[in-house]
């Protein structure tokens, strides 16, 4: 399986922070890696032009979109789900879209 793009990461990332405890970005990345069964080689892959880590970048963008949509917030020790995020999950969506978050 290739590294998922940003949009397919939105719902899994939101579910990861759904326990209402602050989740560090490292924990979120590890849980995304496990959920999508990504290999160590995949999570180390860099973009040929920018040299940036593809996996780290995509998880960061998913987090950024969820923060901008107010489904999660950045706290002192990590990311935490908001009331809005809980309401979204309560609807049991099959997926989330970037456009739907904003």
PDB file of N, CA and C in Angstrom:
ATOM      1  N   UNK A   1       0.844  -1.183   0.000  1.00  0.00           N
ATOM      2  CA  UNK A   1       0.000   0.000   0.000  1.00  0.00           C
ATOM      3  C   UNK A   1       0.888   1.245   0.000  1.00  0.00           C
ATOM      4  N   UNK A   2       0.610   2.182  -0.901  1.00  0.00           N
ATOM      5  CA  UNK A   2       1.390   3.432  -0.890  1.00  0.00           C
ATOM      6  C   UNK A   2       1.007   4.305   0.307  1.00  0.00           C
ATOM      7  N   UNK A   3       1.844   5.275   0.582  1.00  0.00           N
ATOM      8  CA  UNK A   3       1.546   6.215   1.662  1.00  0.00           C
ATOM      9  C   UNK A   3       0.269   6.966   1.287  1.00  0.00           C
ATOM     10  N   UNK A   4      -0.734   6.967   2.166  1.00  0.00           N
ATOM     11  CA  UNK A   4      -1.974   7.667   1.832  1.00  0.00           C
ATOM     12  C   UNK A   4      -1.727   9.174   1.671  1.00  0.00           C
ATOM     13  N   UNK A   5      -2.518   9.773   0.813  1.00  0.00           N
ATOM     14  CA  UNK A   5      -2.476  11.225   0.678  1.00  0.00           C
ATOM     15  C   UNK A   5      -3.175  11.840   1.885  1.00  0.00           C
ATOM     16  N   UNK A   6      -3.222  13.151   1.936  1.00  0.00           N
ATOM     17  CA  UNK A   6      -3.729  13.846   3.122  1.00  0.00           C
ATOM     18  C   UNK A   6      -5.195  13.515   3.408  1.00  0.00           C
ATOM     19  N   UNK A   7      -6.046  13.609   2.417  1.00  0.00           N
ATOM     20  CA  UNK A   7      -7.487  13.449   2.666  1.00  0.00           C
ATOM     21  C   UNK A   7      -7.850  12.092   3.287  1.00  0.00           C
ATOM     22  N   UNK A   8      -7.312  10.969   2.799  1.00  0.00           N
ATOM     23  CA  UNK A   8      -7.641   9.690   3.450  1.00  0.00           C
ATOM     24  C   UNK A   8      -7.107   9.563   4.877  1.00  0.00           C
ATOM     25  N   UNK A   9      -6.207  10.439   5.279  1.00  0.00           N
ATOM     26  CA  UNK A   9      -5.676  10.416   6.640  1.00  0.00           C
ATOM     27  C   UNK A   9      -6.566  11.155   7.640  1.00  0.00           C
ATOM     28  N   UNK A  10      -7.445  12.012   7.165  1.00  0.00           N
ATOM     29  CA  UNK A  10      -8.229  12.870   8.057  1.00  0.00           C
ATOM     30  C   UNK A  10      -9.031  12.082   9.092  1.00  0.00           C
ATOM     31  N   UNK A  11      -9.847  11.150   8.646  1.00  0.00           N
ATOM     32  CA  UNK A  11     -10.697  10.408   9.579  1.00  0.00           C
ATOM     33  C   UNK A  11      -9.880   9.521  10.520  1.00  0.00           C
ATOM     34  N   UNK A  12      -8.899   8.764  10.020  1.00  0.00           N
ATOM     35  CA  UNK A  12      -8.092   7.974  10.960  1.00  0.00           C
ATOM     36  C   UNK A  12      -7.386   8.828  12.012  1.00  0.00           C
ATOM     37  N   UNK A  13      -6.854   9.973  11.620  1.00  0.00           N
ATOM     38  CA  UNK A  13      -6.182  10.847  12.586  1.00  0.00           C
ATOM     39  C   UNK A  13      -7.191  11.366  13.607  1.00  0.00           C
ATOM     40  N   UNK A  14      -8.371  11.755  13.159  1.00  0.00           N
ATOM     41  CA  UNK A  14      -9.395  12.222  14.090  1.00  0.00           C
ATOM     42  C   UNK A  14      -9.770  11.114  15.072  1.00  0.00           C
ATOM     43  N   UNK A  15      -9.886   9.900  14.586  1.00  0.00           N
ATOM     44  CA  UNK A  15     -10.211   8.777  15.474  1.00  0.00           C
ATOM     45  C   UNK A  15      -9.095   8.504  16.479  1.00  0.00           C
ATOM     46  N   UNK A  16      -7.854   8.712  16.050  1.00  0.00           N
ATOM     47  CA  UNK A  16      -6.722   8.484  16.949  1.00  0.00           C
ATOM     48  C   UNK A  16      -6.776   9.411  18.158  1.00  0.00           C
ATOM     49  N   UNK A  17      -7.201  10.649  17.944  1.00  0.00           N
ATOM     50  CA  UNK A  17      -7.259  11.593  19.071  1.00  0.00           C
ATOM     51  C   UNK A  17      -8.618  11.589  19.768  1.00  0.00           C
ATOM     52  N   UNK A  18      -9.480  10.659  19.398  1.00  0.00           N
ATOM     53  CA  UNK A  18     -10.850  10.647  19.925  1.00  0.00           C
ATOM     54  C   UNK A  18     -10.963  10.254  21.392  1.00  0.00           C
ATOM     55  N   UNK A  19      -9.916   9.711  21.984  1.00  0.00           N
ATOM     56  CA  UNK A  19     -10.021   9.303  23.386  1.00  0.00           C
ATOM     57  C   UNK A  19      -9.939  10.488  24.340  1.00  0.00           C
ATOM     58  N   UNK A  20      -9.816  11.683  23.800  1.00  0.00           N
ATOM     59  CA  UNK A  20      -9.823  12.944  24.534  1.00  0.00           C
ATOM     60  C   UNK A  20      -8.551  13.212  25.330  1.00  0.00           C
ATOM     61  N   UNK A  21      -7.584  12.323  25.284  1.00  0.00           N
ATOM     62  CA  UNK A  21      -6.289  12.600  25.899  1.00  0.00           C
ATOM     63  C   UNK A  21      -5.421  13.308  24.858  1.00  0.00           C
ATOM     64  N   UNK A  22      -4.504  14.122  25.317  1.00  0.00           N
ATOM     65  CA  UNK A  22      -3.595  14.776  24.387  1.00  0.00           C
ATOM     66  C   UNK A  22      -2.684  13.716  23.765  1.00  0.00           C
ATOM     67  N   UNK A  23      -2.615  13.742  22.443  1.00  0.00           N
ATOM     68  CA  UNK A  23      -1.799  12.778  21.711  1.00  0.00           C
ATOM     69  C   UNK A  23      -0.630  13.514  21.066  1.00  0.00           C
ATOM     70  N   UNK A  24       0.581  13.055  21.315  1.00  0.00           N
ATOM     71  CA  UNK A  24       1.745  13.681  20.690  1.00  0.00           C
ATOM     72  C   UNK A  24       1.769  13.324  19.204  1.00  0.00           C
ATOM     73  N   UNK A  25       2.428  14.147  18.429  1.00  0.00           N
ATOM     74  CA  UNK A  25       2.519  13.892  17.001  1.00  0.00           C
ATOM     75  C   UNK A  25       3.251  12.579  16.747  1.00  0.00           C
ATOM     76  N   UNK A  26       4.196  12.226  17.592  1.00  0.00           N
ATOM     77  CA  UNK A  26       4.926  10.968  17.429  1.00  0.00           C
ATOM     78  C   UNK A  26       3.984   9.770  17.602  1.00  0.00           C
ATOM     79  N   UNK A  27       3.118   9.826  18.604  1.00  0.00           N
ATOM     80  CA  UNK A  27       2.153   8.750  18.837  1.00  0.00           C
ATOM     81  C   UNK A  27       1.174   8.682  17.666  1.00  0.00           C
ATOM     82  N   UNK A  28       0.718   9.818  17.199  1.00  0.00           N
ATOM     83  CA  UNK A  28      -0.212   9.851  16.069  1.00  0.00           C
ATOM     84  C   UNK A  28       0.432   9.211  14.845  1.00  0.00           C
ATOM     85  N   UNK A  29       1.677   9.590  14.548  1.00  0.00           N
ATOM     86  CA  UNK A  29       2.371   9.004  13.390  1.00  0.00           C
ATOM     87  C   UNK A  29       2.505   7.488  13.529  1.00  0.00           C
ATOM     88  N   UNK A  30       2.874   7.029  14.721  1.00  0.00           N
ATOM     89  CA  UNK A  30       3.042   5.585  14.925  1.00  0.00           C
ATOM     90  C   UNK A  30       1.720   4.854  14.723  1.00  0.00           C
ATOM     91  N   UNK A  31       0.649   5.419  15.231  1.00  0.00           N
ATOM     92  CA  UNK A  31      -0.655   4.756  15.099  1.00  0.00           C
ATOM     93  C   UNK A  31      -1.144   4.784  13.655  1.00  0.00           C
ATOM     94  N   UNK A  32      -0.860   5.866  12.922  1.00  0.00           N
ATOM     95  CA  UNK A  32      -1.212   5.916  11.500  1.00  0.00           C
ATOM     96  C   UNK A  32      -0.398   4.866  10.740  1.00  0.00           C
ATOM     97  N   UNK A  33       0.893   4.797  11.035  1.00  0.00           N
ATOM     98  CA  UNK A  33       1.766   3.801  10.390  1.00  0.00           C
ATOM     99  C   UNK A  33       1.205   2.405  10.609  1.00  0.00           C
ATOM    100  N   UNK A  34       0.823   2.093  11.840  1.00  0.00           N
ATOM    101  CA  UNK A  34       0.284   0.770  12.167  1.00  0.00           C
ATOM    102  C   UNK A  34      -1.057   0.525  11.472  1.00  0.00           C
ATOM    103  N   UNK A  35      -1.921   1.531  11.499  1.00  0.00           N
ATOM    104  CA  UNK A  35      -3.256   1.359  10.897  1.00  0.00           C
ATOM    105  C   UNK A  35      -3.183   1.092   9.399  1.00  0.00           C
ATOM    106  N   UNK A  36      -2.285   1.782   8.716  1.00  0.00           N
ATOM    107  CA  UNK A  36      -2.162   1.611   7.273  1.00  0.00           C
ATOM    108  C   UNK A  36      -1.123   0.548   6.901  1.00  0.00           C
ATOM    109  N   UNK A  37      -0.545  -0.093   7.919  1.00  0.00           N
ATOM    110  CA  UNK A  37       0.439  -1.155   7.713  1.00  0.00           C
ATOM    111  C   UNK A  37       1.575  -0.703   6.794  1.00  0.00           C
ATOM    112  N   UNK A  38       2.097   0.476   7.111  1.00  0.00           N
ATOM    113  CA  UNK A  38       3.198   1.023   6.322  1.00  0.00           C
ATOM    114  C   UNK A  38       4.523   0.453   6.833  1.00  0.00           C
ATOM    115  N   UNK A  39       5.444   0.276   5.920  1.00  0.00           N
ATOM    116  CA  UNK A  39       6.758  -0.256   6.280  1.00  0.00           C
ATOM    117  C   UNK A  39       7.660   0.877   6.766  1.00  0.00           C
ATOM    118  N   UNK A  40       8.763   0.496   7.396  1.00  0.00           N
ATOM    119  CA  UNK A  40       9.747   1.495   7.826  1.00  0.00           C
ATOM    120  C   UNK A  40      10.295   2.258   6.619  1.00  0.00           C
ATOM    121  N   UNK A  41      10.474   1.547   5.512  1.00  0.00           N
ATOM    122  CA  UNK A  41      10.973   2.193   4.298  1.00  0.00           C
ATOM    123  C   UNK A  41       9.993   3.254   3.793  1.00  0.00           C
ATOM    124  N   UNK A  42       8.707   2.947   3.861  1.00  0.00           N
ATOM    125  CA  UNK A  42       7.705   3.909   3.414  1.00  0.00           C
ATOM    126  C   UNK A  42       7.711   5.159   4.279  1.00  0.00           C
ATOM    127  N   UNK A  43       7.794   4.996   5.586  1.00  0.00           N
ATOM    128  CA  UNK A  43       7.739   6.172   6.455  1.00  0.00           C
ATOM    129  C   UNK A  43       9.026   6.984   6.423  1.00  0.00           C
ATOM    130  N   UNK A  44      10.075   6.437   5.826  1.00  0.00           N
ATOM    131  CA  UNK A  44      11.333   7.163   5.669  1.00  0.00           C
ATOM    132  C   UNK A  44      11.475   7.799   4.289  1.00  0.00           C
ATOM    133  N   UNK A  45      10.518   7.525   3.413  1.00  0.00           N
ATOM    134  CA  UNK A  45      10.579   8.016   2.028  1.00  0.00           C
ATOM    135  C   UNK A  45      10.596   9.545   1.991  1.00  0.00           C
ATOM    136  N   UNK A  46      11.471  10.088   1.164  1.00  0.00           N
ATOM    137  CA  UNK A  46      11.542  11.536   1.003  1.00  0.00           C
ATOM    138  C   UNK A  46      11.086  11.927  -0.387  1.00  0.00           C
ATOM    139  N   UNK A  47      10.598  13.148  -0.488  1.00  0.00           N
ATOM    140  CA  UNK A  47      10.156  13.677  -1.772  1.00  0.00           C
ATOM    141  C   UNK A  47      11.393  13.973  -2.615  1.00  0.00           C
ATOM    142  N   UNK A  48      11.383  13.553  -3.888  1.00  0.00           N
ATOM    143  CA  UNK A  48      12.584  13.721  -4.709  1.00  0.00           C
ATOM    144  C   UNK A  48      13.027  15.171  -4.916  1.00  0.00           C
ATOM    145  N   UNK A  49      12.096  16.082  -4.959  1.00  0.00           N
ATOM    146  CA  UNK A  49      12.460  17.480  -5.202  1.00  0.00           C
ATOM    147  C   UNK A  49      12.771  18.235  -3.925  1.00  0.00           C
ATOM    148  N   UNK A  50      11.923  18.096  -2.921  1.00  0.00           N
ATOM    149  CA  UNK A  50      12.109  18.883  -1.697  1.00  0.00           C
ATOM    150  C   UNK A  50      13.024  18.198  -0.684  1.00  0.00           C
ATOM    151  N   UNK A  51      13.114  16.884  -0.764  1.00  0.00           N
ATOM    152  CA  UNK A  51      13.898  16.146   0.214  1.00  0.00           C
ATOM    153  C   UNK A  51      13.198  15.973   1.548  1.00  0.00           C
ATOM    154  N   UNK A  52      11.945  16.431   1.646  1.00  0.00           N
ATOM    155  CA  UNK A  52      11.192  16.316   2.905  1.00  0.00           C
ATOM    156  C   UNK A  52      10.559  14.936   3.016  1.00  0.00           C
ATOM    157  N   UNK A  53      10.374  14.500   4.245  1.00  0.00           N
ATOM    158  CA  UNK A  53       9.764  13.212   4.512  1.00  0.00           C
ATOM    159  C   UNK A  53       8.287  13.253   4.121  1.00  0.00           C
ATOM    160  N   UNK A  54       7.885  12.367   3.219  1.00  0.00           N
ATOM    161  CA  UNK A  54       6.523  12.358   2.677  1.00  0.00           C
ATOM    162  C   UNK A  54       5.500  12.018   3.759  1.00  0.00           C
ATOM    163  N   UNK A  55       5.763  10.972   4.525  1.00  0.00           N
ATOM    164  CA  UNK A  55       4.827  10.533   5.557  1.00  0.00           C
ATOM    165  C   UNK A  55       4.633  11.608   6.626  1.00  0.00           C
ATOM    166  N   UNK A  56       5.730  12.154   7.135  1.00  0.00           N
ATOM    167  CA  UNK A  56       5.665  13.199   8.156  1.00  0.00           C
ATOM    168  C   UNK A  56       4.883  14.396   7.623  1.00  0.00           C
ATOM    169  N   UNK A  57       5.147  14.767   6.391  1.00  0.00           N
ATOM    170  CA  UNK A  57       4.476  15.907   5.771  1.00  0.00           C
ATOM    171  C   UNK A  57       2.971  15.675   5.649  1.00  0.00           C
ATOM    172  N   UNK A  58       2.579  14.499   5.213  1.00  0.00           N
ATOM    173  CA  UNK A  58       1.145  14.219   5.018  1.00  0.00           C
ATOM    174  C   UNK A  58       0.392  14.159   6.345  1.00  0.00           C
ATOM    175  N   UNK A  59       0.994  13.563   7.353  1.00  0.00           N
ATOM    176  CA  UNK A  59       0.349  13.548   8.671  1.00  0.00           C
ATOM    177  C   UNK A  59       0.234  14.974   9.205  1.00  0.00           C
ATOM    178  N   UNK A  60       1.281  15.775   9.001  1.00  0.00           N
ATOM    179  CA  UNK A  60       1.254  17.168   9.457  1.00  0.00           C
ATOM    180  C   UNK A  60       0.134  17.948   8.773  1.00  0.00           C
ATOM    181  N   UNK A  61      -0.047  17.726   7.476  1.00  0.00           N
ATOM    182  CA  UNK A  61      -1.132  18.417   6.766  1.00  0.00           C
ATOM    183  C   UNK A  61      -2.510  17.949   7.241  1.00  0.00           C
ATOM    184  N   UNK A  62      -2.647  16.661   7.511  1.00  0.00           N
ATOM    185  CA  UNK A  62      -3.926  16.164   8.032  1.00  0.00           C
ATOM    186  C   UNK A  62      -4.228  16.826   9.381  1.00  0.00           C
ATOM    187  N   UNK A  63      -3.223  16.896  10.242  1.00  0.00           N
ATOM    188  CA  UNK A  63      -3.403  17.564  11.530  1.00  0.00           C
ATOM    189  C   UNK A  63      -3.756  19.039  11.333  1.00  0.00           C
ATOM    190  N   UNK A  64      -3.065  19.700  10.424  1.00  0.00           N
ATOM    191  CA  UNK A  64      -3.325  21.122  10.174  1.00  0.00           C
ATOM    192  C   UNK A  64      -4.759  21.351   9.698  1.00  0.00           C
ATOM    193  N   UNK A  65      -5.241  20.509   8.795  1.00  0.00           N
ATOM    194  CA  UNK A  65      -6.614  20.666   8.300  1.00  0.00           C
ATOM    195  C   UNK A  65      -7.630  20.410   9.416  1.00  0.00           C
ATOM    196  N   UNK A  66      -7.364  19.435  10.269  1.00  0.00           N
ATOM    197  CA  UNK A  66      -8.274  19.171  11.390  1.00  0.00           C
ATOM    198  C   UNK A  66      -8.256  20.308  12.400  1.00  0.00           C
ATOM    199  N   UNK A  67      -7.102  20.939  12.598  1.00  0.00           N
ATOM    200  CA  UNK A  67      -7.027  22.108  13.486  1.00  0.00           C
ATOM    201  C   UNK A  67      -7.780  23.279  12.856  1.00  0.00           C
ATOM    202  N   UNK A  68      -7.560  23.532  11.561  1.00  0.00           N
ATOM    203  CA  UNK A  68      -8.247  24.632  10.882  1.00  0.00           C
ATOM    204  C   UNK A  68      -9.759  24.431  10.876  1.00  0.00           C
ATOM    205  N   UNK A  69     -10.201  23.165  10.790  1.00  0.00           N
ATOM    206  CA  UNK A  69     -11.627  22.861  10.823  1.00  0.00           C
ATOM    207  C   UNK A  69     -12.195  22.826  12.229  1.00  0.00           C
ATOM    208  N   UNK A  70     -11.320  22.980  13.214  1.00  0.00           N
ATOM    209  CA  UNK A  70     -11.694  23.003  14.628  1.00  0.00           C
ATOM    210  C   UNK A  70     -12.192  21.646  15.151  1.00  0.00           C
ATOM    211  N   UNK A  71     -11.781  20.550  14.486  1.00  0.00           N
ATOM    212  CA  UNK A  71     -12.116  19.222  14.988  1.00  0.00           C
ATOM    213  C   UNK A  71     -11.123  18.782  16.071  1.00  0.00           C
ATOM    214  N   UNK A  72      -9.907  19.318  16.000  1.00  0.00           N
ATOM    215  CA  UNK A  72      -8.905  19.064  17.028  1.00  0.00           C
ATOM    216  C   UNK A  72      -8.221  20.389  17.341  1.00  0.00           C
ATOM    217  N   UNK A  73      -7.504  20.398  18.461  1.00  0.00           N
ATOM    218  CA  UNK A  73      -6.733  21.591  18.803  1.00  0.00           C
ATOM    219  C   UNK A  73      -5.372  21.172  19.319  1.00  0.00           C
ATOM    220  N   UNK A  74      -4.406  22.046  19.097  1.00  0.00           N
ATOM    221  CA  UNK A  74      -3.060  21.812  19.593  1.00  0.00           C
ATOM    222  C   UNK A  74      -2.990  22.323  21.016  1.00  0.00           C
ATOM    223  N   UNK A  75      -2.639  21.431  21.917  1.00  0.00           N
ATOM    224  CA  UNK A  75      -2.523  21.770  23.332  1.00  0.00           C
ATOM    225  C   UNK A  75      -1.050  21.784  23.719  1.00  0.00           C
ATOM    226  N   UNK A  76      -0.785  21.895  24.993  1.00  0.00           N
ATOM    227  CA  UNK A  76       0.592  21.983  25.472  1.00  0.00           C
ATOM    228  C   UNK A  76       1.408  20.730  25.153  1.00  0.00           C
ATOM    229  N   UNK A  77       0.795  19.549  25.281  1.00  0.00           N
ATOM    230  CA  UNK A  77       1.532  18.301  25.110  1.00  0.00           C
ATOM    231  C   UNK A  77       1.095  17.497  23.893  1.00  0.00           C
ATOM    232  N   UNK A  78       0.298  18.073  23.024  1.00  0.00           N
ATOM    233  CA  UNK A  78      -0.120  17.338  21.835  1.00  0.00           C
ATOM    234  C   UNK A  78      -1.473  17.807  21.333  1.00  0.00           C
ATOM    235  N   UNK A  79      -2.075  16.959  20.534  1.00  0.00           N
ATOM    236  CA  UNK A  79      -3.363  17.275  19.915  1.00  0.00           C
ATOM    237  C   UNK A  79      -4.485  16.624  20.702  1.00  0.00           C
ATOM    238  N   UNK A  80      -5.617  17.348  20.762  1.00  0.00           N
ATOM    239  CA  UNK A  80      -6.766  16.848  21.508  1.00  0.00           C
ATOM    240  C   UNK A  80      -8.028  17.119  20.689  1.00  0.00           C
ATOM    241  N   UNK A  81      -8.954  16.184  20.737  1.00  0.00           N
ATOM    242  CA  UNK A  81     -10.213  16.344  20.009  1.00  0.00           C
ATOM    243  C   UNK A  81     -11.062  17.420  20.686  1.00  0.00           C
ATOM    244  N   UNK A  82     -11.867  18.110  19.887  1.00  0.00           N
ATOM    245  CA  UNK A  82     -12.765  19.140  20.398  1.00  0.00           C
ATOM    246  C   UNK A  82     -14.196  18.602  20.415  1.00  0.00           C
ATOM    247  N   UNK A  83     -15.093  19.384  20.967  1.00  0.00           N
ATOM    248  CA  UNK A  83     -16.515  19.010  20.935  1.00  0.00           C
ATOM    249  C   UNK A  83     -16.989  18.849  19.500  1.00  0.00           C
ATOM    250  N   UNK A  84     -16.524  19.733  18.630  1.00  0.00           N
ATOM    251  CA  UNK A  84     -16.885  19.639  17.210  1.00  0.00           C
ATOM    252  C   UNK A  84     -16.382  18.323  16.615  1.00  0.00           C
ATOM    253  N   UNK A  85     -15.152  17.948  16.951  1.00  0.00           N
ATOM    254  CA  UNK A  85     -14.599  16.687  16.464  1.00  0.00           C
ATOM    255  C   UNK A  85     -15.386  15.492  16.956  1.00  0.00           C
ATOM    256  N   UNK A  86     -15.784  15.523  18.218  1.00  0.00           N
ATOM    257  CA  UNK A  86     -16.611  14.446  18.763  1.00  0.00           C
ATOM    258  C   UNK A  86     -17.954  14.362  18.043  1.00  0.00           C
ATOM    259  N   UNK A  87     -18.524  15.522  17.727  1.00  0.00           N
ATOM    260  CA  UNK A  87     -19.801  15.545  17.009  1.00  0.00           C
ATOM    261  C   UNK A  87     -19.651  14.950  15.612  1.00  0.00           C
ATOM    262  N   UNK A  88     -18.537  15.251  14.970  1.00  0.00           N
ATOM    263  CA  UNK A  88     -18.278  14.686  13.635  1.00  0.00           C
ATOM    264  C   UNK A  88     -18.217  13.160  13.727  1.00  0.00           C
ATOM    265  N   UNK A  89     -17.467  12.652  14.688  1.00  0.00           N
ATOM    266  CA  UNK A  89     -17.341  11.197  14.831  1.00  0.00           C
ATOM    267  C   UNK A  89     -18.661  10.543  15.222  1.00  0.00           C
ATOM    268  N   UNK A  90     -19.484  11.254  15.972  1.00  0.00           N
ATOM    269  CA  UNK A  90     -20.780  10.708  16.385  1.00  0.00           C
ATOM    270  C   UNK A  90     -21.678  10.434  15.169  1.00  0.00           C
ATOM    271  N   UNK A  91     -21.455  11.198  14.093  1.00  0.00           N
ATOM    272  CA  UNK A  91     -22.219  10.995  12.854  1.00  0.00           C
ATOM    273  C   UNK A  91     -21.760   9.748  12.100  1.00  0.00           C
ATOM    274  N   UNK A  92     -20.671   9.126  12.571  1.00  0.00           N
ATOM    275  CA  UNK A  92     -20.125   7.914  11.976  1.00  0.00           C
ATOM    276  C   UNK A  92     -19.856   8.059  10.468  1.00  0.00           C
ATOM    277  N   UNK A  93     -19.063   9.049  10.083  1.00  0.00           N
ATOM    278  CA  UNK A  93     -18.805   9.264   8.654  1.00  0.00           C
ATOM    279  C   UNK A  93     -17.932   8.152   8.071  1.00  0.00           C
ATOM    280  N   UNK A  94     -18.106   7.908   6.785  1.00  0.00           N
ATOM    281  CA  UNK A  94     -17.267   6.935   6.095  1.00  0.00           C
ATOM    282  C   UNK A  94     -15.915   7.538   5.753  1.00  0.00           C
ATOM    283  N   UNK A  95     -15.901   8.846   5.551  1.00  0.00           N
ATOM    284  CA  UNK A  95     -14.658   9.560   5.288  1.00  0.00           C
ATOM    285  C   UNK A  95     -14.871  11.040   5.569  1.00  0.00           C
ATOM    286  N   UNK A  96     -13.788  11.792   5.543  1.00  0.00           N
ATOM    287  CA  UNK A  96     -13.847  13.244   5.700  1.00  0.00           C
ATOM    288  C   UNK A  96     -13.153  13.869   4.501  1.00  0.00           C
ATOM    289  N   UNK A  97     -13.600  15.045   4.134  1.00  0.00           N
ATOM    290  CA  UNK A  97     -12.944  15.767   3.052  1.00  0.00           C
ATOM    291  C   UNK A  97     -12.398  17.079   3.585  1.00  0.00           C
ATOM    292  N   UNK A  98     -11.359  17.540   2.934  1.00  0.00           N
ATOM    293  CA  UNK A  98     -10.784  18.829   3.324  1.00  0.00           C
ATOM    294  C   UNK A  98     -11.833  19.928   3.176  1.00  0.00           C
ATOM    295  N   UNK A  99     -12.540  19.896   2.067  1.00  0.00           N
ATOM    296  CA  UNK A  99     -13.577  20.913   1.826  1.00  0.00           C
ATOM    297  C   UNK A  99     -14.667  20.852   2.898  1.00  0.00           C
ATOM    298  N   UNK A 100     -15.029  19.666   3.333  1.00  0.00           N
ATOM    299  CA  UNK A 100     -16.063  19.504   4.353  1.00  0.00           C
ATOM    300  C   UNK A 100     -15.653  20.000   5.732  1.00  0.00           C
ATOM    301  N   UNK A 101     -14.349  20.073   5.969  1.00  0.00           N
ATOM    302  CA  UNK A 101     -13.856  20.537   7.269  1.00  0.00           C
ATOM    303  C   UNK A 101     -13.902  22.039   7.406  1.00  0.00           C
ATOM    304  N   UNK A 102     -13.800  22.748   6.293  1.00  0.00           N
ATOM    305  CA  UNK A 102     -13.659  24.206   6.340  1.00  0.00           C
ATOM    306  C   UNK A 102     -14.952  24.906   5.996  1.00  0.00           C
TER     307      UNK A 102
END
